[in-house]
Protein backbone atom coordinates (compact mmCIF):
# COMPACT_ATOMS: atom_id res chain seq x y z
CA MET A 1 0.00 0.00 0.00
CA SER A 2 1.15 3.55 -0.63
CA ALA A 3 1.15 6.67 1.47
CA SER A 4 -2.08 8.51 2.15
CA PRO A 5 -2.69 11.48 -0.18
CA ASP A 6 -3.03 13.80 2.84
CA GLY A 7 0.42 12.74 4.08
CA LYS A 8 -0.90 11.33 7.34
CA SER A 9 0.09 7.90 8.66
CA ARG A 10 -2.25 5.11 7.74
CA SER A 11 -3.96 3.10 10.43
CA GLN A 12 -4.29 -0.68 10.21
CA GLY A 13 -6.99 -1.87 12.58
CA GLY A 14 -6.28 0.92 15.04
CA ARG A 15 -2.49 0.76 14.81
CA SER A 16 -0.28 3.06 12.78
CA ALA A 17 1.77 1.66 9.91
CA ILE A 18 5.53 2.25 9.95
CA GLY A 19 6.65 5.04 7.64
CA VAL A 20 9.34 3.75 5.29
CA GLY A 21 11.69 5.45 2.83
CA VAL A 22 13.71 3.61 0.15
CA ILE A 23 17.03 5.05 -1.05
CA GLY A 24 18.08 3.63 -4.42
CA TYR A 25 15.64 2.59 -7.16
CA GLY A 26 18.01 0.71 -9.44
CA TYR A 27 18.34 -3.09 -9.60
CA TRP A 28 16.98 -4.18 -6.19
CA GLY A 29 15.27 -1.01 -4.98
CA PRO A 30 12.04 -1.51 -6.96
CA ASN A 31 11.54 -4.95 -5.38
CA LEU A 32 12.04 -3.56 -1.89
CA ALA A 33 9.81 -0.55 -2.55
CA ARG A 34 7.03 -2.76 -3.92
CA ASN A 35 7.07 -5.18 -1.00
CA PHE A 36 7.19 -2.48 1.65
CA ALA A 37 4.46 -0.53 -0.16
CA GLU A 38 2.25 -3.64 -0.22
CA SER A 39 2.95 -4.60 3.38
CA PRO A 40 -0.05 -3.99 5.68
CA ASP A 41 2.41 -3.03 8.42
CA CYS A 42 4.26 -0.34 6.45
CA GLU A 43 3.65 2.85 4.53
CA LEU A 44 5.95 3.85 1.68
CA ILE A 45 6.45 7.53 2.44
CA ALA A 46 9.31 8.35 0.06
CA VAL A 47 11.76 7.06 -2.56
CA ALA A 48 15.10 8.67 -3.42
CA ASP A 49 17.32 8.14 -6.46
CA LEU A 50 19.94 10.39 -8.04
CA LYS A 51 19.11 9.33 -11.61
CA PRO A 52 16.19 11.25 -13.15
CA ASP A 53 14.94 8.28 -15.18
CA LEU A 54 14.81 6.01 -12.13
CA ALA A 55 13.17 8.73 -10.07
CA ALA A 56 10.56 9.14 -12.80
CA LEU A 57 9.93 5.39 -12.79
CA ALA A 58 9.45 5.41 -9.04
CA ARG A 59 7.06 8.34 -9.35
CA ARG A 60 4.92 6.44 -11.88
CA ARG A 61 4.82 3.27 -9.78
CA HIS A 62 4.25 4.99 -6.44
CA PRO A 63 2.31 8.17 -7.23
CA ALA A 64 1.23 8.72 -3.61
CA SER A 65 4.81 8.60 -2.29
CA ARG A 66 7.28 11.47 -2.22
CA VAL A 67 10.05 10.96 -4.82
CA THR A 68 13.26 12.96 -4.52
CA SER A 69 16.82 12.98 -5.84
CA ASP A 70 18.19 13.93 -2.40
CA PRO A 71 18.68 11.09 0.14
CA LYS A 72 19.07 13.69 2.92
CA GLU A 73 15.57 14.96 2.24
CA LEU A 74 14.21 11.43 2.63
CA ILE A 75 16.19 10.76 5.82
CA ASN A 76 15.11 14.06 7.39
CA ASN A 77 11.44 13.53 6.52
CA PRO A 78 9.69 13.30 9.92
CA LYS A 79 7.16 10.80 8.54
CA VAL A 80 9.97 8.35 7.64
CA GLU A 81 10.64 6.10 10.63
CA ALA A 82 12.71 3.46 8.82
CA VAL A 83 15.16 3.79 5.92
CA ILE A 84 15.83 1.04 3.38
CA ILE A 85 19.18 1.43 1.59
CA ALA A 86 19.59 -0.20 -1.83
CA THR A 87 22.56 1.70 -3.26
CA PRO A 88 26.13 0.72 -4.29
CA VAL A 89 28.13 -0.94 -1.50
CA SER A 90 30.54 1.98 -1.23
CA THR A 91 27.68 4.25 -0.10
CA HIS A 92 26.09 1.92 2.46
CA HIS A 93 28.06 3.04 5.50
CA ALA A 94 27.63 6.78 5.04
CA LEU A 95 23.91 6.58 4.30
CA ALA A 96 23.17 4.08 7.08
CA LEU A 97 25.13 6.12 9.62
CA GLN A 98 23.34 9.30 8.61
CA ALA A 99 19.97 7.57 8.95
CA LEU A 100 20.82 6.11 12.37
CA LYS A 101 22.02 9.48 13.64
CA ALA A 102 18.70 10.91 12.48
CA GLY A 103 16.92 8.37 14.69
CA LYS A 104 15.75 6.07 11.90
CA HIS A 105 15.66 2.27 11.89
CA VAL A 106 17.73 0.90 8.99
CA LEU A 107 17.68 -2.05 6.59
CA VAL A 108 20.65 -2.29 4.20
CA THR A 109 21.02 -4.54 1.16
CA LYS A 110 23.95 -6.97 1.18
CA PRO A 111 26.73 -6.59 1.99
CA LEU A 112 26.10 -4.37 5.00
CA ALA A 113 29.16 -2.18 4.40
CA SER A 114 32.61 -2.19 2.80
CA SER A 115 34.55 -3.30 5.89
CA SER A 116 34.25 -4.84 9.34
CA GLU A 117 35.20 -1.51 10.90
CA GLN A 118 32.29 0.20 9.19
CA CYS A 119 29.93 -2.57 10.33
CA LEU A 120 31.08 -2.22 13.93
CA GLU A 121 30.45 1.53 13.81
CA LEU A 122 26.92 1.00 12.48
CA ILE A 123 26.17 -1.70 15.06
CA GLY A 124 27.43 0.54 17.86
CA GLU A 125 25.42 3.53 16.66
CA ALA A 126 22.23 1.47 16.40
CA ALA A 127 22.78 0.00 19.87
CA ARG A 128 23.37 3.41 21.47
CA ARG A 129 20.19 4.78 19.95
CA LYS A 130 18.17 1.57 20.52
CA LEU A 131 17.38 1.33 16.80
CA VAL A 132 16.95 -1.70 14.57
CA LEU A 133 19.81 -2.35 12.15
CA MET A 134 19.22 -5.21 9.71
CA VAL A 135 20.96 -6.48 6.61
CA ASP A 136 19.00 -7.76 3.63
CA HIS A 137 20.33 -11.34 3.48
CA THR A 138 17.34 -12.16 1.30
CA PHE A 139 17.77 -15.93 1.12
CA VAL A 140 17.38 -16.24 4.90
CA TYR A 141 13.75 -15.21 4.38
CA THR A 142 12.98 -17.82 1.73
CA GLY A 143 10.86 -20.77 2.71
CA ALA A 144 13.58 -23.16 1.53
CA VAL A 145 16.37 -21.78 3.71
CA ARG A 146 14.08 -21.44 6.73
CA LYS A 147 13.10 -25.10 6.28
CA ILE A 148 16.78 -26.13 6.10
CA HIS A 149 17.44 -24.17 9.29
CA GLU A 150 14.55 -25.98 10.95
CA LEU A 151 15.80 -29.44 9.87
CA VAL A 152 19.34 -28.72 11.07
CA ALA A 153 18.16 -27.22 14.37
CA LYS A 154 15.91 -30.23 15.07
CA GLY A 155 18.86 -32.56 14.53
CA ASP A 156 17.26 -34.35 11.57
CA LEU A 157 20.58 -34.34 9.70
CA GLY A 158 22.62 -35.45 12.71
CA ASP A 159 26.17 -34.16 13.00
CA ILE A 160 26.98 -31.86 10.08
CA TYR A 161 29.82 -33.07 7.84
CA TYR A 162 30.00 -30.42 5.12
CA TYR A 163 28.31 -27.52 3.33
CA ASP A 164 29.02 -27.35 -0.42
CA SER A 165 27.47 -24.78 -2.74
CA VAL A 166 27.70 -23.66 -6.36
CA ARG A 167 26.42 -20.24 -7.44
CA VAL A 168 27.37 -19.52 -11.04
CA ASN A 169 25.97 -17.71 -14.08
CA LEU A 170 27.05 -15.60 -17.07
CA GLY A 171 27.41 -12.03 -15.69
CA LEU A 172 26.57 -9.54 -14.39
CA PHE A 173 30.16 -8.29 -14.07
CA GLN A 174 30.32 -5.74 -11.25
CA HIS A 175 32.65 -2.74 -11.21
CA ASP A 176 32.86 -2.11 -7.46
CA VAL A 177 33.03 -5.62 -5.94
CA ASN A 178 34.46 -8.98 -7.00
CA VAL A 179 32.46 -12.18 -7.44
CA ILE A 180 32.72 -13.31 -3.82
CA TRP A 181 31.31 -10.00 -2.55
CA ASP A 182 28.53 -10.20 -5.16
CA LEU A 183 27.60 -13.91 -5.28
CA ALA A 184 29.39 -15.85 -2.53
CA VAL A 185 27.96 -13.44 0.04
CA HIS A 186 24.60 -15.19 -0.44
CA ASP A 187 26.00 -18.61 0.42
CA LEU A 188 28.01 -17.28 3.34
CA SER A 189 24.89 -15.64 4.78
CA ILE A 190 22.88 -18.85 4.31
CA MET A 191 25.66 -20.87 5.97
CA ASP A 192 25.75 -18.38 8.84
CA PHE A 193 22.01 -18.86 9.37
CA VAL A 194 21.63 -22.63 9.02
CA LEU A 195 24.81 -23.99 10.61
CA PRO A 196 25.13 -23.98 14.41
CA LYS A 197 28.90 -23.39 14.28
CA ARG A 198 31.13 -20.65 12.90
CA PRO A 199 34.18 -21.11 10.66
CA VAL A 200 37.57 -20.28 12.15
CA ALA A 201 39.60 -19.84 8.94
CA VAL A 202 39.14 -19.51 5.19
CA SER A 203 41.19 -20.26 2.09
CA ALA A 204 40.24 -18.75 -1.24
CA THR A 205 41.50 -18.74 -4.82
CA GLY A 206 40.22 -16.64 -7.68
CA ILE A 207 41.10 -15.07 -10.99
CA ALA A 208 40.07 -12.12 -13.16
CA HIS A 209 39.64 -12.75 -16.88
CA VAL A 210 38.82 -9.15 -17.79
CA PRO A 211 41.79 -6.75 -18.09
CA ARG A 212 42.06 -4.55 -15.00
CA GLY A 213 38.90 -6.19 -13.72
CA LEU A 214 37.97 -7.81 -10.43
CA GLU A 215 37.97 -11.55 -9.79
CA ASN A 216 35.09 -13.17 -11.67
CA THR A 217 35.73 -16.79 -10.64
CA ALA A 218 36.47 -17.91 -7.08
CA TYR A 219 36.57 -20.95 -4.81
CA LEU A 220 36.30 -20.64 -1.02
CA THR A 221 37.05 -23.32 1.55
CA LEU A 222 35.92 -22.69 5.11
CA PHE A 223 37.48 -24.49 8.06
CA PHE A 224 35.76 -25.14 11.38
CA ASP A 225 37.25 -26.22 14.69
CA ASP A 226 36.03 -29.79 14.14
CA SER A 227 35.44 -32.06 11.14
CA VAL A 228 32.94 -29.70 9.46
CA ILE A 229 34.12 -28.11 6.21
CA GLY A 230 32.47 -25.59 3.89
CA HIS A 231 33.01 -24.89 0.22
CA VAL A 232 31.61 -22.18 -2.07
CA HIS A 233 32.11 -21.84 -5.83
CA ALA A 234 31.12 -18.45 -7.28
CA ASN A 235 31.48 -17.58 -10.96
CA TRP A 236 30.31 -14.85 -13.34
CA LEU A 237 31.71 -16.72 -16.34
CA SER A 238 29.58 -19.86 -16.57
CA PRO A 239 27.57 -20.95 -19.63
CA VAL A 240 24.73 -22.05 -17.35
CA LYS A 241 23.08 -20.70 -14.23
CA MET A 242 23.33 -22.94 -11.16
CA ARG A 243 22.17 -22.38 -7.59
CA ARG A 244 22.77 -25.68 -5.82
CA THR A 245 23.79 -26.54 -2.26
CA LEU A 246 24.59 -29.88 -0.61
CA ILE A 247 24.53 -30.27 3.15
CA ALA A 248 25.61 -33.66 4.50
CA GLY A 249 25.04 -34.98 8.00
CA SER A 250 25.53 -38.22 9.82
CA LYS A 251 21.81 -39.06 9.55
CA LYS A 252 20.53 -37.39 6.40
CA MET A 253 21.65 -35.20 3.52
CA ILE A 254 20.03 -32.23 1.78
CA VAL A 255 20.16 -31.07 -1.82
CA TYR A 256 18.88 -27.51 -2.17
CA ASP A 257 18.36 -26.29 -5.74
CA ASP A 258 16.99 -22.76 -5.79
CA LEU A 259 16.21 -22.99 -9.53
CA GLU A 260 13.80 -25.89 -9.03
CA PRO A 261 10.26 -24.57 -9.49
CA SER A 262 8.66 -26.82 -6.89
CA GLU A 263 10.88 -29.31 -5.03
CA LYS A 264 13.66 -26.93 -4.03
CA ILE A 265 14.70 -29.12 -1.09
CA LYS A 266 15.24 -32.87 -1.25
CA VAL A 267 16.16 -34.76 1.90
CA TYR A 268 17.99 -38.05 1.36
CA ASP A 269 18.17 -40.82 3.93
CA LYS A 270 21.62 -41.74 2.69
CA GLY A 271 25.00 -41.94 4.34
CA ILE A 272 27.60 -44.20 5.88
CA THR A 273 27.94 -46.26 9.04
CA LEU A 274 31.24 -47.15 10.68
CA ASN A 275 31.62 -50.54 12.30
CA GLY A 276 34.55 -52.24 13.96
CA ASP A 277 37.70 -50.89 15.56
CA ALA A 278 38.14 -47.21 14.77
CA GLU A 279 41.80 -47.47 15.82
CA SER A 280 42.61 -49.86 13.02
CA VAL A 281 41.79 -49.09 9.40
CA TYR A 282 41.99 -52.82 8.68
CA LYS A 283 39.28 -53.67 11.20
CA MET A 284 37.02 -50.70 10.54
CA LEU A 285 34.18 -51.43 8.13
CA VAL A 286 32.35 -48.69 6.22
CA GLY A 287 28.72 -49.47 5.50
CA TYR A 288 26.44 -47.56 3.17
CA ARG A 289 22.87 -46.57 3.89
CA ALA A 290 20.46 -45.88 1.02
CA GLY A 291 16.98 -44.95 2.20
CA ASP A 292 14.13 -42.84 0.91
CA MET A 293 14.11 -39.31 -0.48
CA TRP A 294 11.43 -36.82 0.45
CA ALA A 295 10.72 -33.23 -0.53
CA PRO A 296 9.29 -31.23 2.39
CA GLN A 297 6.60 -28.66 1.75
CA ILE A 298 7.97 -25.13 2.00
CA ASP A 299 6.46 -21.69 2.29
CA ILE A 300 6.34 -20.09 -1.18
CA THR A 301 5.73 -16.53 0.05
CA GLU A 302 8.10 -14.06 -1.62
CA ALA A 303 11.18 -13.63 0.56
CA LEU A 304 11.03 -9.82 0.55
CA ARG A 305 7.40 -9.91 1.66
CA VAL A 306 8.41 -12.08 4.63
CA GLU A 307 11.35 -9.77 5.33
CA ALA A 308 9.21 -6.62 5.20
CA LYS A 309 6.76 -8.09 7.71
CA HIS A 310 9.63 -9.23 9.95
CA PHE A 311 11.39 -5.85 9.77
CA ALA A 312 8.18 -4.08 10.77
CA ALA A 313 7.77 -6.49 13.69
CA CYS A 314 11.34 -5.80 14.80
CA VAL A 315 10.80 -2.03 14.63
CA SER A 316 7.66 -2.38 16.75
CA GLY A 317 9.57 -4.52 19.27
CA LYS A 318 7.61 -7.74 18.66
CA GLU A 319 10.49 -9.76 17.18
CA LYS A 320 14.28 -9.85 17.13
CA PRO A 321 16.08 -9.58 13.75
CA LEU A 322 17.00 -12.82 12.00
CA THR A 323 19.67 -10.91 10.09
CA PRO A 324 20.91 -8.20 12.47
CA GLY A 325 23.95 -6.03 11.91
CA GLU A 326 26.04 -8.72 13.65
CA ALA A 327 25.14 -11.20 10.88
CA GLY A 328 26.32 -8.66 8.32
CA LEU A 329 29.55 -8.20 10.29
CA ARG A 330 30.29 -11.93 10.40
CA THR A 331 29.71 -12.25 6.67
CA ILE A 332 31.92 -9.28 5.82
CA ALA A 333 34.70 -10.54 8.09
CA LEU A 334 34.61 -13.74 6.04
CA LEU A 335 34.66 -11.82 2.76
CA GLU A 336 37.62 -9.72 3.90
CA ALA A 337 39.58 -12.80 4.99
CA ALA A 338 38.71 -14.60 1.75
CA THR A 339 39.88 -11.61 -0.29
CA ARG A 340 43.21 -11.54 1.56
CA SER A 341 43.62 -15.28 1.02
CA MET A 342 42.77 -14.95 -2.67
CA HIS A 343 45.45 -12.30 -3.12
CA ASN A 344 47.95 -14.74 -1.56
CA ARG A 345 47.06 -17.70 -3.78
CA GLY A 346 44.89 -19.47 -1.26
CA GLN A 347 46.95 -19.11 1.89
CA PRO A 348 44.51 -19.75 4.80
CA VAL A 349 43.52 -16.70 6.83
CA GLU A 350 42.35 -17.01 10.42
CA LEU A 351 39.07 -15.27 11.14
CA PRO A 352 39.26 -12.48 13.71
CA ALA A 353 37.52 -12.48 17.07
CA LEU A 354 34.63 -10.07 16.52
CA HIS A 355 33.36 -7.66 19.15
CA ALA A 356 29.75 -8.17 18.16
CA GLY A 357 28.36 -11.62 18.96
CA ARG A 358 25.51 -13.64 17.56
C-alpha cells in the first residue's frame, strides 16, 4: 500500500503503519519498494534516487509517495521512521550512519558495508540509539532456507559433515566488488544462518579474466574447529546458471536447488555407518545406507514480503532480527579474509575475534 494522499500515517486496525523510505531505485530497490508498499504493516512515504529516469519510474509506480533525488531529504522527513538502503556498497556506511544518527531504523542490502570496521560503527550507533539495524540477506527469508534451518536445528541431519554450494551464471560483471562480494555473500549468509557453528579460517582462490577487472571466478574453503568443512564456488563466467547446495550430515543429507520450481529441497536418507575398531583401518568397516528421499513442503511466500513483515515487527519490538547487523559483520569478516587469502594464492587466513556476537 502507498502513502495517504493527505500525508498522514495510515492506520491498520487501530495501529499506525511504519513510515518507510527507500534510497536507491536501481536493480533491487524496486523490489524492496514494492514489498514495503504492499505490506499492511508499512507505509511507503518516500523514494530517493539520483538518476532522473529512475526517479521518474518510481514516481509512476508509487504516485502517492514522495520521490526525490536527495537522500538527505528522505532521511530528514519526519514521517519516515525506517530507511531502506539499496545503493552501491561503497555508499552503504555513510547513508546508514546518517539515517541512524537521524533516529531512523535501517535495513541495508547486502553486503552491509565495505569493511568490518564500518559494520562495527553502524552496530554501535544502532545499539546506542536503541534502533533496529538489519541487513537484507534475502535468502534467509525464503521458505527453503528457513526449512533447512529448521531441519538442522531439530537434529534431523545429525552431525553436520560439510556444506558445499555452487552459485554460477554468465554475468553480471560488477565494477565495485568482486564475485565473492557479489555472489558468494549469499551462500556465506545462508551458511551463517543454518549452521550452528562458525568457521575459524578460510582459504580462497580466484582469478580475473577481464583486463584490470575484479575476480570473476572464485573458490572458497571454510574451516571449522572440528570435522565440518564448507566450500563455495562463485562464478560470473559460466555458460549455465546454477544455484545448488549440498549439506551432508551423519543421519541425512540435503540437496537444495533454488532454480527448481517446486521441489527446491530434497532430503535423502543416505550416508555411511562405521563398524569395527576405529583405531585400526583394517578392522574398521564402512557401511552404506540408502533410504528414501522426500521433498518437504515449503512456504512459497516471496522472501522480501516475509522480510518486510519481519522488519516491521522488529521495529515495533515484537520480534528480534533474523539478520541483524552482527550477521552482516560476520559475513563481511569472512569476505575480507577470503579476499586476503585470494590475493595470496589461497593461503589460509584465520578469522578475527569479533566484538559483536551472535
